[in-house]
Amino acid sequence: MSAENRYTPPVSDDGLRHWFVAGGVIVVDDSVLLVKNLRQGGAIEWTTPGGVVDPGESAVEGLTREVEEETGLRVTQWAGPLYRVEVMAPDAGFMLRVEAHLGLAVEGLLAVDDPDGIVIDAHYVERGAVAERLESAQPWVVEPLLAHLHEGVDDGRTFRYHMTGGRGQPRRIDRLG
């Protein structure tokens, strides 16, 4: 799907866009697959591969499609969800729900050709270097992934965050619970 045709959820009755995203945790030889994202304003952010789940898709269907689009890899077996993330960001106009799944069987060769133009690179990063690579990522990306990698979190628990600010205002992100 090209960037101009990407699905954007409508604004709901609460005045927010409700995004549903799936993320893939793919580990090979104790290295984690991370993708380099080009964000608005030219900011760079490393994350796990994944993206917006389109209407009518399950989380796994959307995740499989997104990982293949972003990395060229085809994941044929998933486990999870490992963990979930919820972000409430009323000042920025969105609510984000994420499901992260573990890729158990992967086929193909790593080749970045993201039709959305967001993912511009991908690398397997040694487990011990993941935190450093993710230092520019949002806490809702970093904390749950590191909890999985270092503490074995894989029970589907939900990590909740509240963000104030955004849209040109200073942001503050608090973890809830």
C-alpha atoms as a PDB file:
ATOM      1  CA  MET A   1       0.000   0.000   0.000  1.00  0.00           C
ATOM      2  CA  SER A   2       1.518   3.342  -0.950  1.00  0.00           C
ATOM      3  CA  ALA A   3       1.872   6.129   1.609  1.00  0.00           C
ATOM      4  CA  GLU A   4      -0.997   8.094   0.095  1.00  0.00           C
ATOM      5  CA  ASN A   5      -3.283   5.021   0.331  1.00  0.00           C
ATOM      6  CA  ARG A   6      -2.337   3.992   3.878  1.00  0.00           C
ATOM      7  CA  TYR A   7      -5.311   3.340   6.132  1.00  0.00           C
ATOM      8  CA  THR A   8      -6.043   6.110   8.622  1.00  0.00           C
ATOM      9  CA  PRO A   9      -8.804   5.422  11.140  1.00  0.00           C
ATOM     10  CA  PRO A  10     -11.567   8.003  11.291  1.00  0.00           C
ATOM     11  CA  VAL A  11     -11.931  10.302  14.277  1.00  0.00           C
ATOM     12  CA  SER A  12     -14.213   8.577  16.796  1.00  0.00           C
ATOM     13  CA  ASP A  13     -16.946  10.096  18.937  1.00  0.00           C
ATOM     14  CA  ASP A  14     -14.319  10.760  21.629  1.00  0.00           C
ATOM     15  CA  GLY A  15     -12.404  13.018  19.206  1.00  0.00           C
ATOM     16  CA  LEU A  16      -9.507  10.564  18.843  1.00  0.00           C
ATOM     17  CA  ARG A  17      -8.178   8.348  16.077  1.00  0.00           C
ATOM     18  CA  HIS A  18      -8.014   4.786  17.413  1.00  0.00           C
ATOM     19  CA  TRP A  19      -5.011   3.023  15.888  1.00  0.00           C
ATOM     20  CA  PHE A  20      -4.547  -0.765  16.076  1.00  0.00           C
ATOM     21  CA  VAL A  21      -0.977  -1.843  15.384  1.00  0.00           C
ATOM     22  CA  ALA A  22       0.770  -5.218  15.456  1.00  0.00           C
ATOM     23  CA  GLY A  23       4.489  -5.601  16.125  1.00  0.00           C
ATOM     24  CA  GLY A  24       6.716  -8.562  15.386  1.00  0.00           C
ATOM     25  CA  VAL A  25       9.501  -9.742  17.648  1.00  0.00           C
ATOM     26  CA  ILE A  26      11.809 -11.824  15.479  1.00  0.00           C
ATOM     27  CA  VAL A  27      14.891 -13.312  17.132  1.00  0.00           C
ATOM     28  CA  VAL A  28      17.531 -15.257  15.197  1.00  0.00           C
ATOM     29  CA  ASP A  29      20.744 -16.492  16.835  1.00  0.00           C
ATOM     30  CA  ASP A  30      20.123 -14.232  19.864  1.00  0.00           C
ATOM     31  CA  SER A  31      19.784 -11.143  17.641  1.00  0.00           C
ATOM     32  CA  VAL A  32      16.561  -9.147  17.303  1.00  0.00           C
ATOM     33  CA  LEU A  33      15.273  -7.792  14.008  1.00  0.00           C
ATOM     34  CA  LEU A  34      14.846  -4.012  14.186  1.00  0.00           C
ATOM     35  CA  VAL A  35      13.745  -1.606  11.470  1.00  0.00           C
ATOM     36  CA  LYS A  36      14.826   1.999  10.986  1.00  0.00           C
ATOM     37  CA  ASN A  37      11.815   4.293  10.529  1.00  0.00           C
ATOM     38  CA  LEU A  38      11.866   7.735   8.942  1.00  0.00           C
ATOM     39  CA  ARG A  39       9.306   9.773  10.877  1.00  0.00           C
ATOM     40  CA  GLN A  40       7.724  13.153  10.223  1.00  0.00           C
ATOM     41  CA  GLY A  41      10.223  15.992  10.287  1.00  0.00           C
ATOM     42  CA  GLY A  42      13.065  13.623   9.401  1.00  0.00           C
ATOM     43  CA  ALA A  43      13.336  11.982  12.837  1.00  0.00           C
ATOM     44  CA  ILE A  44      14.799   8.463  12.921  1.00  0.00           C
ATOM     45  CA  GLU A  45      13.367   5.782  15.192  1.00  0.00           C
ATOM     46  CA  TRP A  46      14.289   2.114  15.441  1.00  0.00           C
ATOM     47  CA  THR A  47      11.490  -0.338  16.326  1.00  0.00           C
ATOM     48  CA  THR A  48      10.481  -3.920  15.742  1.00  0.00           C
ATOM     49  CA  PRO A  49       8.791  -4.439  12.360  1.00  0.00           C
ATOM     50  CA  GLY A  50       5.028  -4.158  12.097  1.00  0.00           C
ATOM     51  CA  GLY A  51       2.354  -1.608  11.474  1.00  0.00           C
ATOM     52  CA  VAL A  52      -1.279  -0.663  11.245  1.00  0.00           C
ATOM     53  CA  VAL A  53      -3.762  -3.519  11.051  1.00  0.00           C
ATOM     54  CA  ASP A  54      -6.214  -2.761   8.262  1.00  0.00           C
ATOM     55  CA  PRO A  55      -9.984  -3.168   8.690  1.00  0.00           C
ATOM     56  CA  GLY A  56     -10.994  -6.806   8.267  1.00  0.00           C
ATOM     57  CA  GLU A  57      -7.531  -8.163   9.150  1.00  0.00           C
ATOM     58  CA  SER A  58      -6.635 -10.018  12.318  1.00  0.00           C
ATOM     59  CA  ALA A  59      -3.558  -8.814  14.204  1.00  0.00           C
ATOM     60  CA  VAL A  60      -1.540 -11.743  12.831  1.00  0.00           C
ATOM     61  CA  GLU A  61      -2.733 -11.186   9.251  1.00  0.00           C
ATOM     62  CA  GLY A  62      -1.823  -7.506   9.406  1.00  0.00           C
ATOM     63  CA  LEU A  63       1.486  -8.265  11.088  1.00  0.00           C
ATOM     64  CA  THR A  64       2.428 -10.885   8.511  1.00  0.00           C
ATOM     65  CA  ARG A  65       1.653  -8.422   5.702  1.00  0.00           C
ATOM     66  CA  GLU A  66       3.523  -5.541   7.351  1.00  0.00           C
ATOM     67  CA  VAL A  67       6.657  -7.577   8.140  1.00  0.00           C
ATOM     68  CA  GLU A  68       6.821  -8.851   4.570  1.00  0.00           C
ATOM     69  CA  GLU A  69       6.273  -5.353   3.131  1.00  0.00           C
ATOM     70  CA  GLU A  70       8.904  -3.805   5.377  1.00  0.00           C
ATOM     71  CA  THR A  71      11.601  -6.495   5.416  1.00  0.00           C
ATOM     72  CA  GLY A  72      10.956  -8.999   2.639  1.00  0.00           C
ATOM     73  CA  LEU A  73      10.692 -11.745   5.267  1.00  0.00           C
ATOM     74  CA  ARG A  74       7.679 -14.029   5.421  1.00  0.00           C
ATOM     75  CA  VAL A  75       6.757 -15.200   8.908  1.00  0.00           C
ATOM     76  CA  THR A  76       4.795 -18.439   8.632  1.00  0.00           C
ATOM     77  CA  GLN A  77       4.234 -19.067  12.340  1.00  0.00           C
ATOM     78  CA  TRP A  78       3.546 -16.628  15.181  1.00  0.00           C
ATOM     79  CA  ALA A  79       3.113 -17.040  18.947  1.00  0.00           C
ATOM     80  CA  GLY A  80       1.427 -14.579  21.206  1.00  0.00           C
ATOM     81  CA  PRO A  81       0.504 -12.011  21.878  1.00  0.00           C
ATOM     82  CA  LEU A  82       3.657 -11.664  23.982  1.00  0.00           C
ATOM     83  CA  TYR A  83       2.463  -8.347  25.344  1.00  0.00           C
ATOM     84  CA  ARG A  84       0.064  -5.529  24.549  1.00  0.00           C
ATOM     85  CA  VAL A  85       0.471  -1.762  24.705  1.00  0.00           C
ATOM     86  CA  GLU A  86      -2.149   0.949  25.169  1.00  0.00           C
ATOM     87  CA  VAL A  87      -1.303   4.630  24.745  1.00  0.00           C
ATOM     88  CA  MET A  88      -3.833   7.361  25.451  1.00  0.00           C
ATOM     89  CA  ALA A  89      -2.734  10.662  23.887  1.00  0.00           C
ATOM     90  CA  PRO A  90      -5.701  13.046  23.884  1.00  0.00           C
ATOM     91  CA  ASP A  91      -3.613  16.176  23.225  1.00  0.00           C
ATOM     92  CA  ALA A  92      -2.149  14.517  20.122  1.00  0.00           C
ATOM     93  CA  GLY A  93      -5.557  13.190  19.056  1.00  0.00           C
ATOM     94  CA  PHE A  94      -4.961   9.449  19.231  1.00  0.00           C
ATOM     95  CA  MET A  95      -5.402   6.234  21.176  1.00  0.00           C
ATOM     96  CA  LEU A  96      -2.988   3.443  20.240  1.00  0.00           C
ATOM     97  CA  ARG A  97      -3.395  -0.288  20.858  1.00  0.00           C
ATOM     98  CA  VAL A  98      -0.522  -2.627  20.009  1.00  0.00           C
ATOM     99  CA  GLU A  99      -0.208  -6.414  20.051  1.00  0.00           C
ATOM    100  CA  ALA A 100       3.308  -7.858  19.873  1.00  0.00           C
ATOM    101  CA  HIS A 101       3.805 -11.406  18.605  1.00  0.00           C
ATOM    102  CA  LEU A 102       6.855 -13.649  18.385  1.00  0.00           C
ATOM    103  CA  GLY A 103       7.887 -14.876  14.944  1.00  0.00           C
ATOM    104  CA  LEU A 104       8.612 -18.606  15.228  1.00  0.00           C
ATOM    105  CA  ALA A 105       9.261 -19.506  11.583  1.00  0.00           C
ATOM    106  CA  VAL A 106      10.776 -17.043   9.104  1.00  0.00           C
ATOM    107  CA  GLU A 107      11.455 -17.493   5.382  1.00  0.00           C
ATOM    108  CA  GLY A 108      13.246 -15.346   2.820  1.00  0.00           C
ATOM    109  CA  LEU A 109      16.044 -12.836   2.751  1.00  0.00           C
ATOM    110  CA  LEU A 110      16.112  -9.474   4.459  1.00  0.00           C
ATOM    111  CA  ALA A 111      15.339  -6.796   1.841  1.00  0.00           C
ATOM    112  CA  VAL A 112      13.917  -3.374   2.699  1.00  0.00           C
ATOM    113  CA  ASP A 113      11.398  -2.090   0.159  1.00  0.00           C
ATOM    114  CA  ASP A 114       8.641  -0.519   2.277  1.00  0.00           C
ATOM    115  CA  PRO A 115       5.791   0.694   0.039  1.00  0.00           C
ATOM    116  CA  ASP A 116       4.900   3.271   2.720  1.00  0.00           C
ATOM    117  CA  GLY A 117       8.396   4.786   2.572  1.00  0.00           C
ATOM    118  CA  ILE A 118       8.706   4.696   6.372  1.00  0.00           C
ATOM    119  CA  VAL A 119      11.094   1.766   6.902  1.00  0.00           C
ATOM    120  CA  ILE A 120      14.445   2.686   5.364  1.00  0.00           C
ATOM    121  CA  ASP A 121      16.740   0.015   6.843  1.00  0.00           C
ATOM    122  CA  ALA A 122      16.647  -3.206   8.851  1.00  0.00           C
ATOM    123  CA  HIS A 123      19.239  -5.120  10.871  1.00  0.00           C
ATOM    124  CA  TYR A 124      19.487  -7.971  13.296  1.00  0.00           C
ATOM    125  CA  VAL A 125      20.843  -6.434  16.508  1.00  0.00           C
ATOM    126  CA  GLU A 126      22.496  -8.473  19.257  1.00  0.00           C
ATOM    127  CA  ARG A 127      20.205  -8.779  22.269  1.00  0.00           C
ATOM    128  CA  GLY A 128      22.644  -6.849  24.487  1.00  0.00           C
ATOM    129  CA  ALA A 129      22.715  -3.881  22.068  1.00  0.00           C
ATOM    130  CA  VAL A 130      18.947  -3.540  21.538  1.00  0.00           C
ATOM    131  CA  ALA A 131      18.415  -0.953  24.303  1.00  0.00           C
ATOM    132  CA  GLU A 132      21.078   1.330  22.852  1.00  0.00           C
ATOM    133  CA  ARG A 133      19.651   1.042  19.336  1.00  0.00           C
ATOM    134  CA  LEU A 134      16.173   1.893  20.648  1.00  0.00           C
ATOM    135  CA  GLU A 135      17.229   5.011  22.578  1.00  0.00           C
ATOM    136  CA  SER A 136      15.283   7.305  20.200  1.00  0.00           C
ATOM    137  CA  ALA A 137      12.119   5.169  20.332  1.00  0.00           C
ATOM    138  CA  GLN A 138       9.035   5.882  22.425  1.00  0.00           C
ATOM    139  CA  PRO A 139       8.942   4.292  25.904  1.00  0.00           C
ATOM    140  CA  TRP A 140       5.953   2.197  24.829  1.00  0.00           C
ATOM    141  CA  VAL A 141       8.228   0.572  22.232  1.00  0.00           C
ATOM    142  CA  VAL A 142      11.304   0.150  24.425  1.00  0.00           C
ATOM    143  CA  GLU A 143       9.983  -0.931  27.834  1.00  0.00           C
ATOM    144  CA  PRO A 144       7.751  -3.840  26.771  1.00  0.00           C
ATOM    145  CA  LEU A 145      10.328  -5.197  24.298  1.00  0.00           C
ATOM    146  CA  LEU A 146      13.119  -5.094  26.888  1.00  0.00           C
ATOM    147  CA  ALA A 147      10.796  -6.714  29.445  1.00  0.00           C
ATOM    148  CA  HIS A 148      10.295  -9.541  26.972  1.00  0.00           C
ATOM    149  CA  LEU A 149      13.971  -9.883  26.032  1.00  0.00           C
ATOM    150  CA  HIS A 150      15.451  -9.584  29.529  1.00  0.00           C
ATOM    151  CA  GLU A 151      12.666 -10.747  31.859  1.00  0.00           C
ATOM    152  CA  GLY A 152      10.849 -13.221  29.633  1.00  0.00           C
ATOM    153  CA  VAL A 153       7.551 -11.325  29.572  1.00  0.00           C
ATOM    154  CA  ASP A 154       5.361 -13.314  27.184  1.00  0.00           C
ATOM    155  CA  ASP A 155       2.072 -13.602  29.064  1.00  0.00           C
ATOM    156  CA  GLY A 156       0.050 -11.087  27.058  1.00  0.00           C
ATOM    157  CA  ARG A 157       0.165  -8.439  29.790  1.00  0.00           C
ATOM    158  CA  THR A 158      -0.717  -4.855  28.907  1.00  0.00           C
ATOM    159  CA  PHE A 159       1.683  -1.931  29.302  1.00  0.00           C
ATOM    160  CA  ARG A 160      -0.328   1.311  29.619  1.00  0.00           C
ATOM    161  CA  TYR A 161       0.878   4.851  28.931  1.00  0.00           C
ATOM    162  CA  HIS A 162      -0.602   8.345  28.974  1.00  0.00           C
ATOM    163  CA  MET A 163       0.909  11.081  26.838  1.00  0.00           C
ATOM    164  CA  THR A 164       0.229  14.772  27.300  1.00  0.00           C
ATOM    165  CA  GLY A 165       1.340  17.399  24.828  1.00  0.00           C
ATOM    166  CA  GLY A 166       2.188  16.689  21.221  1.00  0.00           C
ATOM    167  CA  ARG A 167       1.220  18.537  18.050  1.00  0.00           C
ATOM    168  CA  GLY A 168       4.007  21.057  18.575  1.00  0.00           C
ATOM    169  CA  GLN A 169       3.758  21.089  22.387  1.00  0.00           C
ATOM    170  CA  PRO A 170       6.291  19.527  24.772  1.00  0.00           C
ATOM    171  CA  ARG A 171       5.370  15.920  25.459  1.00  0.00           C
ATOM    172  CA  ARG A 172       5.263  14.010  28.685  1.00  0.00           C
ATOM    173  CA  ILE A 173       4.776  10.254  28.714  1.00  0.00           C
ATOM    174  CA  ASP A 174       3.810   8.463  31.922  1.00  0.00           C
ATOM    175  CA  ARG A 175       3.570   4.725  32.413  1.00  0.00           C
ATOM    176  CA  LEU A 176       0.389   3.770  34.215  1.00  0.00           C
ATOM    177  CA  GLY A 177       0.020   0.916  36.649  1.00  0.00           C
END
